[in-house]
Each structure stands twice: as structure tokens, then as C-alpha cells.
Amino acid sequence: MDTAHEVYCGLHVSKCEHHAAALNGAGEGVFDNHLPRDEARLRELFTGLQQHDRVLVIVDQPNTIGALPIAVAPDCGCTVAYLPGLAMRKAADLYPGKSRTDARNAFIIVGRPMPYRTR
């Protein structure tokens, strides 16, 4: 089974709004912005990222507040993965700075080298 993806989208989910950061296979940013917790906006993002071909969406919370993106992404043709909290905390230690922002968390979710990165 070919698991290569052209776009990797890290989604930091939270109670009020989500933050998404997406990188292409070359590591270049293709999206970095807040998103309301809204199905239509999630579909717009995932469908827009599909223009680059196969998309992997990585979330940091698979339950409760993360349930909507996990349901919408596959319906839009994206593959979904989960980055456990412990792995997220360890990854955060690899990046400079101690401030915890939604944008930084989304970048850490998608930007760190992990087995799912195929290029």
C-alpha cells in the first residue's frame, strides 16, 4: 500500500477554535491559520488542500473536540492520524521557545520529523 502524501496538515484542536498548519512534501507552508469549529470551514480547508493531491491530517486530540475534524477529513478524501499527548510534549521540547500558542502547537504537530513523513 502506498502511503505517500503530498500535504501534511497539523490540526491543533481547542474549545473555541482550531489552528491548522499545512506543509507540502518539500516542507513549504501551504496553510497556517485559525479555523472556527465549523464543519463547512473544515471541509473548505480539506478540499482546498486536496488540490495538492493526497493529504494527511494529524490531530492532537481524537476525542470530544477533535471528533468533528476526524469525521470530516476522511469524508473529504484525507487520511487521518493522531499524535498522542506525550509525543506532542516531547516534540515541543525540540523547538526553541517555551510559549504555548495554537499556531506553534499546530506547526509542531505537522513540522516535526515522524515516521508518517514519507519524503
PDB file of N, CA and C in Angstrom:
ATOM      1  N   MET A   1       0.840  -1.186   0.000  1.00  0.00           N
ATOM      2  CA  MET A   1       0.000   0.000   0.000  1.00  0.00           C
ATOM      3  C   MET A   1       0.881   1.244   0.000  1.00  0.00           C
ATOM      4  N   ASP A   2       0.625   2.152  -0.897  1.00  0.00           N
ATOM      5  CA  ASP A   2       1.378   3.390  -0.988  1.00  0.00           C
ATOM      6  C   ASP A   2       0.803   4.390   0.012  1.00  0.00           C
ATOM      7  N   THR A   3       1.631   4.837   0.950  1.00  0.00           N
ATOM      8  CA  THR A   3       1.142   5.763   1.977  1.00  0.00           C
ATOM      9  C   THR A   3       1.724   7.155   1.824  1.00  0.00           C
ATOM     10  N   ALA A   4       2.325   7.440   0.683  1.00  0.00           N
ATOM     11  CA  ALA A   4       2.910   8.768   0.473  1.00  0.00           C
ATOM     12  C   ALA A   4       1.809   9.820   0.406  1.00  0.00           C
ATOM     13  N   HIS A   5       2.099  10.960   0.986  1.00  0.00           N
ATOM     14  CA  HIS A   5       1.173  12.089   0.961  1.00  0.00           C
ATOM     15  C   HIS A   5       1.903  13.302   0.415  1.00  0.00           C
ATOM     16  N   GLU A   6       1.154  14.182  -0.210  1.00  0.00           N
ATOM     17  CA  GLU A   6       1.720  15.405  -0.765  1.00  0.00           C
ATOM     18  C   GLU A   6       1.608  16.573   0.207  1.00  0.00           C
ATOM     19  N   VAL A   7       0.630  16.515   1.109  1.00  0.00           N
ATOM     20  CA  VAL A   7       0.414  17.585   2.081  1.00  0.00           C
ATOM     21  C   VAL A   7       0.193  16.973   3.447  1.00  0.00           C
ATOM     22  N   TYR A   8       0.810  17.579   4.457  1.00  0.00           N
ATOM     23  CA  TYR A   8       0.664  17.168   5.847  1.00  0.00           C
ATOM     24  C   TYR A   8       0.049  18.344   6.597  1.00  0.00           C
ATOM     25  N   CYS A   9      -1.121  18.125   7.192  1.00  0.00           N
ATOM     26  CA  CYS A   9      -1.842  19.194   7.866  1.00  0.00           C
ATOM     27  C   CYS A   9      -1.927  18.881   9.360  1.00  0.00           C
ATOM     28  N   GLY A  10      -1.267  19.693  10.169  1.00  0.00           N
ATOM     29  CA  GLY A  10      -1.350  19.558  11.618  1.00  0.00           C
ATOM     30  C   GLY A  10      -2.499  20.394  12.131  1.00  0.00           C
ATOM     31  N   LEU A  11      -3.371  19.775  12.909  1.00  0.00           N
ATOM     32  CA  LEU A  11      -4.549  20.477  13.407  1.00  0.00           C
ATOM     33  C   LEU A  11      -4.544  20.443  14.929  1.00  0.00           C
ATOM     34  N   HIS A  12      -4.304  21.625  15.516  1.00  0.00           N
ATOM     35  CA  HIS A  12      -4.375  21.769  16.973  1.00  0.00           C
ATOM     36  C   HIS A  12      -5.810  22.137  17.297  1.00  0.00           C
ATOM     37  N   VAL A  13      -6.517  21.193  17.920  1.00  0.00           N
ATOM     38  CA  VAL A  13      -7.930  21.444  18.224  1.00  0.00           C
ATOM     39  C   VAL A  13      -8.054  22.053  19.610  1.00  0.00           C
ATOM     40  N   SER A  14      -9.029  22.931  19.766  1.00  0.00           N
ATOM     41  CA  SER A  14      -9.280  23.543  21.070  1.00  0.00           C
ATOM     42  C   SER A  14     -10.763  23.862  21.189  1.00  0.00           C
ATOM     43  N   LYS A  15     -11.157  24.318  22.364  1.00  0.00           N
ATOM     44  CA  LYS A  15     -12.568  24.532  22.658  1.00  0.00           C
ATOM     45  C   LYS A  15     -13.208  25.614  21.809  1.00  0.00           C
ATOM     46  N   CYS A  16     -12.491  26.699  21.573  1.00  0.00           N
ATOM     47  CA  CYS A  16     -13.084  27.841  20.853  1.00  0.00           C
ATOM     48  C   CYS A  16     -12.883  27.756  19.351  1.00  0.00           C
ATOM     49  N   GLU A  17     -11.662  27.549  18.928  1.00  0.00           N
ATOM     50  CA  GLU A  17     -11.353  27.435  17.510  1.00  0.00           C
ATOM     51  C   GLU A  17     -10.121  26.562  17.345  1.00  0.00           C
ATOM     52  N   HIS A  18      -9.950  26.046  16.151  1.00  0.00           N
ATOM     53  CA  HIS A  18      -8.796  25.202  15.849  1.00  0.00           C
ATOM     54  C   HIS A  18      -7.721  26.058  15.183  1.00  0.00           C
ATOM     55  N   HIS A  19      -6.514  25.513  15.096  1.00  0.00           N
ATOM     56  CA  HIS A  19      -5.462  26.149  14.306  1.00  0.00           C
ATOM     57  C   HIS A  19      -4.855  25.069  13.425  1.00  0.00           C
ATOM     58  N   ALA A  20      -4.749  25.361  12.138  1.00  0.00           N
ATOM     59  CA  ALA A  20      -4.199  24.401  11.188  1.00  0.00           C
ATOM     60  C   ALA A  20      -2.933  24.956  10.563  1.00  0.00           C
ATOM     61  N   ALA A  21      -1.942  24.083  10.428  1.00  0.00           N
ATOM     62  CA  ALA A  21      -0.721  24.400   9.698  1.00  0.00           C
ATOM     63  C   ALA A  21      -0.490  23.254   8.725  1.00  0.00           C
ATOM     64  N   ALA A  22      -0.275  23.569   7.458  1.00  0.00           N
ATOM     65  CA  ALA A  22      -0.078  22.533   6.449  1.00  0.00           C
ATOM     66  C   ALA A  22       1.219  22.775   5.697  1.00  0.00           C
ATOM     67  N   LEU A  23       1.948  21.686   5.479  1.00  0.00           N
ATOM     68  CA  LEU A  23       3.202  21.718   4.736  1.00  0.00           C
ATOM     69  C   LEU A  23       3.095  20.788   3.545  1.00  0.00           C
ATOM     70  N   ASN A  24       3.740  21.159   2.444  1.00  0.00           N
ATOM     71  CA  ASN A  24       3.803  20.227   1.320  1.00  0.00           C
ATOM     72  C   ASN A  24       4.968  19.268   1.542  1.00  0.00           C
ATOM     73  N   GLY A  25       5.160  18.341   0.641  1.00  0.00           N
ATOM     74  CA  GLY A  25       6.216  17.340   0.790  1.00  0.00           C
ATOM     75  C   GLY A  25       7.614  17.924   0.858  1.00  0.00           C
ATOM     76  N   ALA A  26       7.807  19.136   0.347  1.00  0.00           N
ATOM     77  CA  ALA A  26       9.103  19.811   0.393  1.00  0.00           C
ATOM     78  C   ALA A  26       9.279  20.602   1.689  1.00  0.00           C
ATOM     79  N   GLY A  27       8.266  20.586   2.561  1.00  0.00           N
ATOM     80  CA  GLY A  27       8.347  21.305   3.824  1.00  0.00           C
ATOM     81  C   GLY A  27       7.942  22.764   3.733  1.00  0.00           C
ATOM     82  N   GLU A  28       7.368  23.168   2.613  1.00  0.00           N
ATOM     83  CA  GLU A  28       6.928  24.552   2.438  1.00  0.00           C
ATOM     84  C   GLU A  28       5.504  24.711   2.959  1.00  0.00           C
ATOM     85  N   GLY A  29       5.254  25.827   3.639  1.00  0.00           N
ATOM     86  CA  GLY A  29       3.936  26.081   4.184  1.00  0.00           C
ATOM     87  C   GLY A  29       2.906  26.354   3.095  1.00  0.00           C
ATOM     88  N   VAL A  30       1.760  25.684   3.186  1.00  0.00           N
ATOM     89  CA  VAL A  30       0.673  25.938   2.240  1.00  0.00           C
ATOM     90  C   VAL A  30      -0.574  26.475   2.949  1.00  0.00           C
ATOM     91  N   PHE A  31      -0.585  26.414   4.301  1.00  0.00           N
ATOM     92  CA  PHE A  31      -1.693  26.966   5.071  1.00  0.00           C
ATOM     93  C   PHE A  31      -1.235  27.139   6.507  1.00  0.00           C
ATOM     94  N   ASP A  32      -1.658  28.238   7.128  1.00  0.00           N
ATOM     95  CA  ASP A  32      -1.360  28.484   8.546  1.00  0.00           C
ATOM     96  C   ASP A  32      -2.353  29.531   9.047  1.00  0.00           C
ATOM     97  N   ASN A  33      -3.410  29.052   9.714  1.00  0.00           N
ATOM     98  CA  ASN A  33      -4.428  29.996  10.150  1.00  0.00           C
ATOM     99  C   ASN A  33      -5.370  29.358  11.157  1.00  0.00           C
ATOM    100  N   HIS A  34      -6.110  30.223  11.867  1.00  0.00           N
ATOM    101  CA  HIS A  34      -7.159  29.760  12.775  1.00  0.00           C
ATOM    102  C   HIS A  34      -8.362  29.308  11.962  1.00  0.00           C
ATOM    103  N   LEU A  35      -9.125  28.395  12.531  1.00  0.00           N
ATOM    104  CA  LEU A  35     -10.364  27.924  11.919  1.00  0.00           C
ATOM    105  C   LEU A  35     -11.441  27.876  12.982  1.00  0.00           C
ATOM    106  N   PRO A  36     -12.630  28.328  12.667  1.00  0.00           N
ATOM    107  CA  PRO A  36     -13.718  28.137  13.631  1.00  0.00           C
ATOM    108  C   PRO A  36     -14.072  26.654  13.693  1.00  0.00           C
ATOM    109  N   ARG A  37     -14.660  26.242  14.787  1.00  0.00           N
ATOM    110  CA  ARG A  37     -15.104  24.852  14.912  1.00  0.00           C
ATOM    111  C   ARG A  37     -16.389  24.704  14.107  1.00  0.00           C
ATOM    112  N   ASP A  38     -16.216  24.620  12.795  1.00  0.00           N
ATOM    113  CA  ASP A  38     -17.338  24.643  11.878  1.00  0.00           C
ATOM    114  C   ASP A  38     -17.093  23.628  10.760  1.00  0.00           C
ATOM    115  N   GLU A  39     -18.064  22.773  10.526  1.00  0.00           N
ATOM    116  CA  GLU A  39     -17.896  21.728   9.519  1.00  0.00           C
ATOM    117  C   GLU A  39     -17.629  22.305   8.131  1.00  0.00           C
ATOM    118  N   ALA A  40     -18.346  23.352   7.771  1.00  0.00           N
ATOM    119  CA  ALA A  40     -18.176  23.935   6.433  1.00  0.00           C
ATOM    120  C   ALA A  40     -16.757  24.459   6.234  1.00  0.00           C
ATOM    121  N   ARG A  41     -16.184  25.117   7.237  1.00  0.00           N
ATOM    122  CA  ARG A  41     -14.811  25.641   7.115  1.00  0.00           C
ATOM    123  C   ARG A  41     -13.787  24.510   7.065  1.00  0.00           C
ATOM    124  N   LEU A  42     -14.019  23.458   7.849  1.00  0.00           N
ATOM    125  CA  LEU A  42     -13.122  22.304   7.791  1.00  0.00           C
ATOM    126  C   LEU A  42     -13.160  21.658   6.414  1.00  0.00           C
ATOM    127  N   ARG A  43     -14.365  21.494   5.868  1.00  0.00           N
ATOM    128  CA  ARG A  43     -14.493  20.918   4.528  1.00  0.00           C
ATOM    129  C   ARG A  43     -13.788  21.802   3.495  1.00  0.00           C
ATOM    130  N   GLU A  44     -13.930  23.109   3.637  1.00  0.00           N
ATOM    131  CA  GLU A  44     -13.271  24.041   2.716  1.00  0.00           C
ATOM    132  C   GLU A  44     -11.748  23.866   2.785  1.00  0.00           C
ATOM    133  N   LEU A  45     -11.214  23.774   3.993  1.00  0.00           N
ATOM    134  CA  LEU A  45      -9.762  23.587   4.148  1.00  0.00           C
ATOM    135  C   LEU A  45      -9.319  22.270   3.535  1.00  0.00           C
ATOM    136  N   PHE A  46      -9.951  21.166   3.940  1.00  0.00           N
ATOM    137  CA  PHE A  46      -9.521  19.844   3.469  1.00  0.00           C
ATOM    138  C   PHE A  46      -9.680  19.703   1.960  1.00  0.00           C
ATOM    139  N   THR A  47     -10.745  20.239   1.413  1.00  0.00           N
ATOM    140  CA  THR A  47     -10.961  20.191  -0.034  1.00  0.00           C
ATOM    141  C   THR A  47      -9.920  21.046  -0.752  1.00  0.00           C
ATOM    142  N   GLY A  48      -9.613  22.207  -0.200  1.00  0.00           N
ATOM    143  CA  GLY A  48      -8.592  23.069  -0.790  1.00  0.00           C
ATOM    144  C   GLY A  48      -7.213  22.436  -0.780  1.00  0.00           C
ATOM    145  N   LEU A  49      -6.893  21.735   0.299  1.00  0.00           N
ATOM    146  CA  LEU A  49      -5.590  21.069   0.372  1.00  0.00           C
ATOM    147  C   LEU A  49      -5.499  19.909  -0.616  1.00  0.00           C
ATOM    148  N   GLN A  50      -6.643  19.342  -0.987  1.00  0.00           N
ATOM    149  CA  GLN A  50      -6.660  18.220  -1.931  1.00  0.00           C
ATOM    150  C   GLN A  50      -6.149  18.629  -3.316  1.00  0.00           C
ATOM    151  N   GLN A  51      -6.109  19.923  -3.617  1.00  0.00           N
ATOM    152  CA  GLN A  51      -5.572  20.362  -4.910  1.00  0.00           C
ATOM    153  C   GLN A  51      -4.104  19.964  -5.055  1.00  0.00           C
ATOM    154  N   HIS A  52      -3.433  19.736  -3.931  1.00  0.00           N
ATOM    155  CA  HIS A  52      -2.031  19.318  -3.947  1.00  0.00           C
ATOM    156  C   HIS A  52      -1.898  17.805  -4.020  1.00  0.00           C
ATOM    157  N   ASP A  53      -2.986  17.084  -4.041  1.00  0.00           N
ATOM    158  CA  ASP A  53      -3.052  15.621  -4.102  1.00  0.00           C
ATOM    159  C   ASP A  53      -3.311  15.061  -2.705  1.00  0.00           C
ATOM    160  N   ARG A  54      -2.711  13.958  -2.356  1.00  0.00           N
ATOM    161  CA  ARG A  54      -3.047  13.238  -1.119  1.00  0.00           C
ATOM    162  C   ARG A  54      -2.677  14.037   0.130  1.00  0.00           C
ATOM    163  N   VAL A  55      -3.612  14.075   1.084  1.00  0.00           N
ATOM    164  CA  VAL A  55      -3.458  14.880   2.299  1.00  0.00           C
ATOM    165  C   VAL A  55      -3.535  13.985   3.527  1.00  0.00           C
ATOM    166  N   LEU A  56      -2.606  14.195   4.448  1.00  0.00           N
ATOM    167  CA  LEU A  56      -2.634  13.550   5.753  1.00  0.00           C
ATOM    168  C   LEU A  56      -2.930  14.617   6.794  1.00  0.00           C
ATOM    169  N   VAL A  57      -4.012  14.436   7.548  1.00  0.00           N
ATOM    170  CA  VAL A  57      -4.397  15.358   8.610  1.00  0.00           C
ATOM    171  C   VAL A  57      -4.000  14.717   9.934  1.00  0.00           C
ATOM    172  N   ILE A  58      -3.183  15.426  10.725  1.00  0.00           N
ATOM    173  CA  ILE A  58      -2.737  14.920  12.014  1.00  0.00           C
ATOM    174  C   ILE A  58      -3.375  15.777  13.099  1.00  0.00           C
ATOM    175  N   VAL A  59      -4.090  15.149  14.020  1.00  0.00           N
ATOM    176  CA  VAL A  59      -4.745  15.867  15.104  1.00  0.00           C
ATOM    177  C   VAL A  59      -4.081  15.521  16.426  1.00  0.00           C
ATOM    178  N   ASP A  60      -4.204  16.435  17.391  1.00  0.00           N
ATOM    179  CA  ASP A  60      -3.620  16.203  18.708  1.00  0.00           C
ATOM    180  C   ASP A  60      -4.659  15.759  19.730  1.00  0.00           C
ATOM    181  N   GLN A  61      -5.911  15.687  19.337  1.00  0.00           N
ATOM    182  CA  GLN A  61      -6.979  15.299  20.260  1.00  0.00           C
ATOM    183  C   GLN A  61      -8.036  14.535  19.463  1.00  0.00           C
ATOM    184  N   PRO A  62      -8.080  13.216  19.583  1.00  0.00           N
ATOM    185  CA  PRO A  62      -9.015  12.455  18.755  1.00  0.00           C
ATOM    186  C   PRO A  62     -10.437  12.376  19.305  1.00  0.00           C
ATOM    187  N   ASN A  63     -10.643  12.738  20.548  1.00  0.00           N
ATOM    188  CA  ASN A  63     -11.959  12.623  21.163  1.00  0.00           C
ATOM    189  C   ASN A  63     -12.580  14.001  21.367  1.00  0.00           C
ATOM    190  N   THR A  64     -13.804  14.033  21.734  1.00  0.00           N
ATOM    191  CA  THR A  64     -14.573  15.236  22.054  1.00  0.00           C
ATOM    192  C   THR A  64     -14.331  16.350  21.036  1.00  0.00           C
ATOM    193  N   ILE A  65     -13.488  17.334  21.361  1.00  0.00           N
ATOM    194  CA  ILE A  65     -13.306  18.494  20.492  1.00  0.00           C
ATOM    195  C   ILE A  65     -12.606  18.149  19.175  1.00  0.00           C
ATOM    196  N   GLY A  66     -11.969  16.996  19.093  1.00  0.00           N
ATOM    197  CA  GLY A  66     -11.322  16.580  17.854  1.00  0.00           C
ATOM    198  C   GLY A  66     -12.176  15.672  16.993  1.00  0.00           C
ATOM    199  N   ALA A  67     -13.361  15.321  17.464  1.00  0.00           N
ATOM    200  CA  ALA A  67     -14.208  14.371  16.739  1.00  0.00           C
ATOM    201  C   ALA A  67     -14.679  14.913  15.394  1.00  0.00           C
ATOM    202  N   LEU A  68     -15.013  16.192  15.317  1.00  0.00           N
ATOM    203  CA  LEU A  68     -15.513  16.749  14.056  1.00  0.00           C
ATOM    204  C   LEU A  68     -14.473  16.699  12.947  1.00  0.00           C
ATOM    205  N   PRO A  69     -13.245  17.202  13.162  1.00  0.00           N
ATOM    206  CA  PRO A  69     -12.267  17.108  12.069  1.00  0.00           C
ATOM    207  C   PRO A  69     -11.937  15.670  11.691  1.00  0.00           C
ATOM    208  N   ILE A  70     -11.960  14.771  12.667  1.00  0.00           N
ATOM    209  CA  ILE A  70     -11.663  13.366  12.380  1.00  0.00           C
ATOM    210  C   ILE A  70     -12.768  12.751  11.523  1.00  0.00           C
ATOM    211  N   ALA A  71     -13.998  13.210  11.683  1.00  0.00           N
ATOM    212  CA  ALA A  71     -15.103  12.711  10.862  1.00  0.00           C
ATOM    213  C   ALA A  71     -15.117  13.362   9.477  1.00  0.00           C
ATOM    214  N   VAL A  72     -14.782  14.644   9.404  1.00  0.00           N
ATOM    215  CA  VAL A  72     -14.876  15.392   8.148  1.00  0.00           C
ATOM    216  C   VAL A  72     -13.706  15.074   7.210  1.00  0.00           C
ATOM    217  N   ALA A  73     -12.504  14.943   7.734  1.00  0.00           N
ATOM    218  CA  ALA A  73     -11.320  14.745   6.889  1.00  0.00           C
ATOM    219  C   ALA A  73     -11.439  13.523   5.970  1.00  0.00           C
ATOM    220  N   PRO A  74     -11.780  12.337   6.486  1.00  0.00           N
ATOM    221  CA  PRO A  74     -11.901  11.186   5.574  1.00  0.00           C
ATOM    222  C   PRO A  74     -13.024  11.365   4.553  1.00  0.00           C
ATOM    223  N   ASP A  75     -14.086  12.046   4.953  1.00  0.00           N
ATOM    224  CA  ASP A  75     -15.191  12.295   4.031  1.00  0.00           C
ATOM    225  C   ASP A  75     -14.741  13.189   2.876  1.00  0.00           C
ATOM    226  N   CYS A  76     -13.697  13.991   3.111  1.00  0.00           N
ATOM    227  CA  CYS A  76     -13.139  14.858   2.068  1.00  0.00           C
ATOM    228  C   CYS A  76     -11.983  14.181   1.325  1.00  0.00           C
ATOM    229  N   GLY A  77     -11.704  12.929   1.647  1.00  0.00           N
ATOM    230  CA  GLY A  77     -10.641  12.192   0.959  1.00  0.00           C
ATOM    231  C   GLY A  77      -9.292  12.242   1.627  1.00  0.00           C
ATOM    232  N   CYS A  78      -9.207  12.776   2.841  1.00  0.00           N
ATOM    233  CA  CYS A  78      -7.937  12.871   3.561  1.00  0.00           C
ATOM    234  C   CYS A  78      -7.732  11.644   4.457  1.00  0.00           C
ATOM    235  N   THR A  79      -6.492  11.314   4.690  1.00  0.00           N
ATOM    236  CA  THR A  79      -6.125  10.308   5.670  1.00  0.00           C
ATOM    237  C   THR A  79      -5.978  11.020   7.010  1.00  0.00           C
ATOM    238  N   VAL A  80      -6.304  10.344   8.107  1.00  0.00           N
ATOM    239  CA  VAL A  80      -6.225  10.952   9.432  1.00  0.00           C
ATOM    240  C   VAL A  80      -5.241  10.184  10.300  1.00  0.00           C
ATOM    241  N   ALA A  81      -4.438  10.923  11.057  1.00  0.00           N
ATOM    242  CA  ALA A  81      -3.518  10.339  12.030  1.00  0.00           C
ATOM    243  C   ALA A  81      -3.651  11.113  13.335  1.00  0.00           C
ATOM    244  N   TYR A  82      -3.138  10.515  14.403  1.00  0.00           N
ATOM    245  CA  TYR A  82      -3.237  11.089  15.737  1.00  0.00           C
ATOM    246  C   TYR A  82      -1.842  11.182  16.333  1.00  0.00           C
ATOM    247  N   LEU A  83      -1.513  12.323  16.910  1.00  0.00           N
ATOM    248  CA  LEU A  83      -0.250  12.498  17.618  1.00  0.00           C
ATOM    249  C   LEU A  83      -0.567  12.518  19.106  1.00  0.00           C
ATOM    250  N   PRO A  84      -0.219  11.461  19.842  1.00  0.00           N
ATOM    251  CA  PRO A  84      -0.536  11.393  21.275  1.00  0.00           C
ATOM    252  C   PRO A  84       0.090  12.542  22.063  1.00  0.00           C
ATOM    253  N   GLY A  85      -0.539  12.868  23.186  1.00  0.00           N
ATOM    254  CA  GLY A  85      -0.099  13.985  24.018  1.00  0.00           C
ATOM    255  C   GLY A  85       1.347  13.902  24.460  1.00  0.00           C
ATOM    256  N   LEU A  86       1.813  12.724  24.883  1.00  0.00           N
ATOM    257  CA  LEU A  86       3.200  12.574  25.323  1.00  0.00           C
ATOM    258  C   LEU A  86       4.165  12.858  24.175  1.00  0.00           C
ATOM    259  N   ALA A  87       3.850  12.351  22.991  1.00  0.00           N
ATOM    260  CA  ALA A  87       4.693  12.621  21.824  1.00  0.00           C
ATOM    261  C   ALA A  87       4.692  14.104  21.495  1.00  0.00           C
ATOM    262  N   MET A  88       3.532  14.738  21.650  1.00  0.00           N
ATOM    263  CA  MET A  88       3.418  16.181  21.402  1.00  0.00           C
ATOM    264  C   MET A  88       4.297  16.962  22.365  1.00  0.00           C
ATOM    265  N   ARG A  89       4.251  16.622  23.639  1.00  0.00           N
ATOM    266  CA  ARG A  89       5.077  17.331  24.632  1.00  0.00           C
ATOM    267  C   ARG A  89       6.560  17.136  24.355  1.00  0.00           C
ATOM    268  N   LYS A  90       6.958  15.928  23.990  1.00  0.00           N
ATOM    269  CA  LYS A  90       8.369  15.675  23.683  1.00  0.00           C
ATOM    270  C   LYS A  90       8.799  16.419  22.425  1.00  0.00           C
ATOM    271  N   ALA A  91       7.916  16.472  21.436  1.00  0.00           N
ATOM    272  CA  ALA A  91       8.230  17.210  20.212  1.00  0.00           C
ATOM    273  C   ALA A  91       8.383  18.692  20.500  1.00  0.00           C
ATOM    274  N   ALA A  92       7.543  19.224  21.382  1.00  0.00           N
ATOM    275  CA  ALA A  92       7.618  20.646  21.723  1.00  0.00           C
ATOM    276  C   ALA A  92       8.973  20.996  22.332  1.00  0.00           C
ATOM    277  N   ASP A  93       9.570  20.050  23.045  1.00  0.00           N
ATOM    278  CA  ASP A  93      10.885  20.280  23.644  1.00  0.00           C
ATOM    279  C   ASP A  93      11.980  20.435  22.589  1.00  0.00           C
ATOM    280  N   LEU A  94      11.743  19.960  21.367  1.00  0.00           N
ATOM    281  CA  LEU A  94      12.740  20.043  20.304  1.00  0.00           C
ATOM    282  C   LEU A  94      12.776  21.416  19.638  1.00  0.00           C
ATOM    283  N   TYR A  95      11.755  22.230  19.893  1.00  0.00           N
ATOM    284  CA  TYR A  95      11.657  23.541  19.262  1.00  0.00           C
ATOM    285  C   TYR A  95      11.992  24.635  20.262  1.00  0.00           C
ATOM    286  N   PRO A  96      12.662  25.702  19.804  1.00  0.00           N
ATOM    287  CA  PRO A  96      13.020  26.783  20.723  1.00  0.00           C
ATOM    288  C   PRO A  96      11.791  27.521  21.225  1.00  0.00           C
ATOM    289  N   GLY A  97      11.938  28.100  22.382  1.00  0.00           N
ATOM    290  CA  GLY A  97      10.850  28.884  22.964  1.00  0.00           C
ATOM    291  C   GLY A  97       9.969  28.027  23.843  1.00  0.00           C
ATOM    292  N   LYS A  98       9.390  28.648  24.822  1.00  0.00           N
ATOM    293  CA  LYS A  98       8.560  27.924  25.774  1.00  0.00           C
ATOM    294  C   LYS A  98       7.087  28.323  25.694  1.00  0.00           C
ATOM    295  N   SER A  99       6.777  29.388  24.943  1.00  0.00           N
ATOM    296  CA  SER A  99       5.379  29.823  24.883  1.00  0.00           C
ATOM    297  C   SER A  99       4.548  28.773  24.154  1.00  0.00           C
ATOM    298  N   ARG A 100       3.347  28.562  24.652  1.00  0.00           N
ATOM    299  CA  ARG A 100       2.448  27.595  24.037  1.00  0.00           C
ATOM    300  C   ARG A 100       1.332  28.362  23.352  1.00  0.00           C
ATOM    301  N   THR A 101       1.404  28.425  22.042  1.00  0.00           N
ATOM    302  CA  THR A 101       0.347  29.068  21.279  1.00  0.00           C
ATOM    303  C   THR A 101      -0.279  28.029  20.352  1.00  0.00           C
ATOM    304  N   ASP A 102      -1.482  28.296  19.896  1.00  0.00           N
ATOM    305  CA  ASP A 102      -2.147  27.377  18.986  1.00  0.00           C
ATOM    306  C   ASP A 102      -1.355  27.217  17.691  1.00  0.00           C
ATOM    307  N   ALA A 103      -0.820  28.316  17.168  1.00  0.00           N
ATOM    308  CA  ALA A 103      -0.048  28.258  15.926  1.00  0.00           C
ATOM    309  C   ALA A 103       1.214  27.420  16.110  1.00  0.00           C
ATOM    310  N   ARG A 104       1.905  27.618  17.219  1.00  0.00           N
ATOM    311  CA  ARG A 104       3.121  26.836  17.489  1.00  0.00           C
ATOM    312  C   ARG A 104       2.784  25.358  17.630  1.00  0.00           C
ATOM    313  N   ASN A 105       1.711  25.054  18.332  1.00  0.00           N
ATOM    314  CA  ASN A 105       1.314  23.662  18.505  1.00  0.00           C
ATOM    315  C   ASN A 105       0.956  23.009  17.177  1.00  0.00           C
ATOM    316  N   ALA A 106       0.233  23.729  16.316  1.00  0.00           N
ATOM    317  CA  ALA A 106      -0.122  23.181  15.005  1.00  0.00           C
ATOM    318  C   ALA A 106       1.128  22.913  14.181  1.00  0.00           C
ATOM    319  N   PHE A 107       2.095  23.833  14.227  1.00  0.00           N
ATOM    320  CA  PHE A 107       3.336  23.632  13.494  1.00  0.00           C
ATOM    321  C   PHE A 107       4.106  22.435  14.046  1.00  0.00           C
ATOM    322  N   ILE A 108       4.152  22.288  15.358  1.00  0.00           N
ATOM    323  CA  ILE A 108       4.853  21.157  15.958  1.00  0.00           C
ATOM    324  C   ILE A 108       4.195  19.846  15.539  1.00  0.00           C
ATOM    325  N   ILE A 109       2.876  19.820  15.518  1.00  0.00           N
ATOM    326  CA  ILE A 109       2.166  18.605  15.118  1.00  0.00           C
ATOM    327  C   ILE A 109       2.557  18.178  13.711  1.00  0.00           C
ATOM    328  N   VAL A 110       2.643  19.121  12.804  1.00  0.00           N
ATOM    329  CA  VAL A 110       2.930  18.785  11.413  1.00  0.00           C
ATOM    330  C   VAL A 110       4.418  18.885  11.073  1.00  0.00           C
ATOM    331  N   GLY A 111       5.165  19.708  11.785  1.00  0.00           N
ATOM    332  CA  GLY A 111       6.518  20.031  11.356  1.00  0.00           C
ATOM    333  C   GLY A 111       7.638  19.169  11.869  1.00  0.00           C
ATOM    334  N   ARG A 112       7.381  18.301  12.803  1.00  0.00           N
ATOM    335  CA  ARG A 112       8.484  17.507  13.312  1.00  0.00           C
ATOM    336  C   ARG A 112       8.653  16.249  12.480  1.00  0.00           C
ATOM    337  N   PRO A 113       9.895  15.786  12.320  1.00  0.00           N
ATOM    338  CA  PRO A 113      10.101  14.549  11.572  1.00  0.00           C
ATOM    339  C   PRO A 113       9.472  13.373  12.298  1.00  0.00           C
ATOM    340  N   MET A 114       8.648  12.646  11.611  1.00  0.00           N
ATOM    341  CA  MET A 114       7.973  11.481  12.198  1.00  0.00           C
ATOM    342  C   MET A 114       7.894  10.386  11.148  1.00  0.00           C
ATOM    343  N   PRO A 115       7.596   9.169  11.553  1.00  0.00           N
ATOM    344  CA  PRO A 115       7.501   8.083  10.583  1.00  0.00           C
ATOM    345  C   PRO A 115       6.486   8.314   9.469  1.00  0.00           C
ATOM    346  N   TYR A 116       5.451   9.112   9.725  1.00  0.00           N
ATOM    347  CA  TYR A 116       4.457   9.320   8.676  1.00  0.00           C
ATOM    348  C   TYR A 116       4.964  10.190   7.539  1.00  0.00           C
ATOM    349  N   ARG A 117       6.045  10.939   7.769  1.00  0.00           N
ATOM    350  CA  ARG A 117       6.598  11.795   6.717  1.00  0.00           C
ATOM    351  C   ARG A 117       7.343  10.888   5.741  1.00  0.00           C
ATOM    352  N   THR A 118       6.957  10.906   4.485  1.00  0.00           N
ATOM    353  CA  THR A 118       7.486   9.959   3.525  1.00  0.00           C
ATOM    354  C   THR A 118       8.535  10.538   2.592  1.00  0.00           C
ATOM    355  N   ARG A 119       8.839  11.809   2.707  1.00  0.00           N
ATOM    356  CA  ARG A 119       9.852  12.396   1.824  1.00  0.00           C
ATOM    357  C   ARG A 119      11.077  12.767   2.584  1.00  0.00           C
TER     358      ARG A 119
END
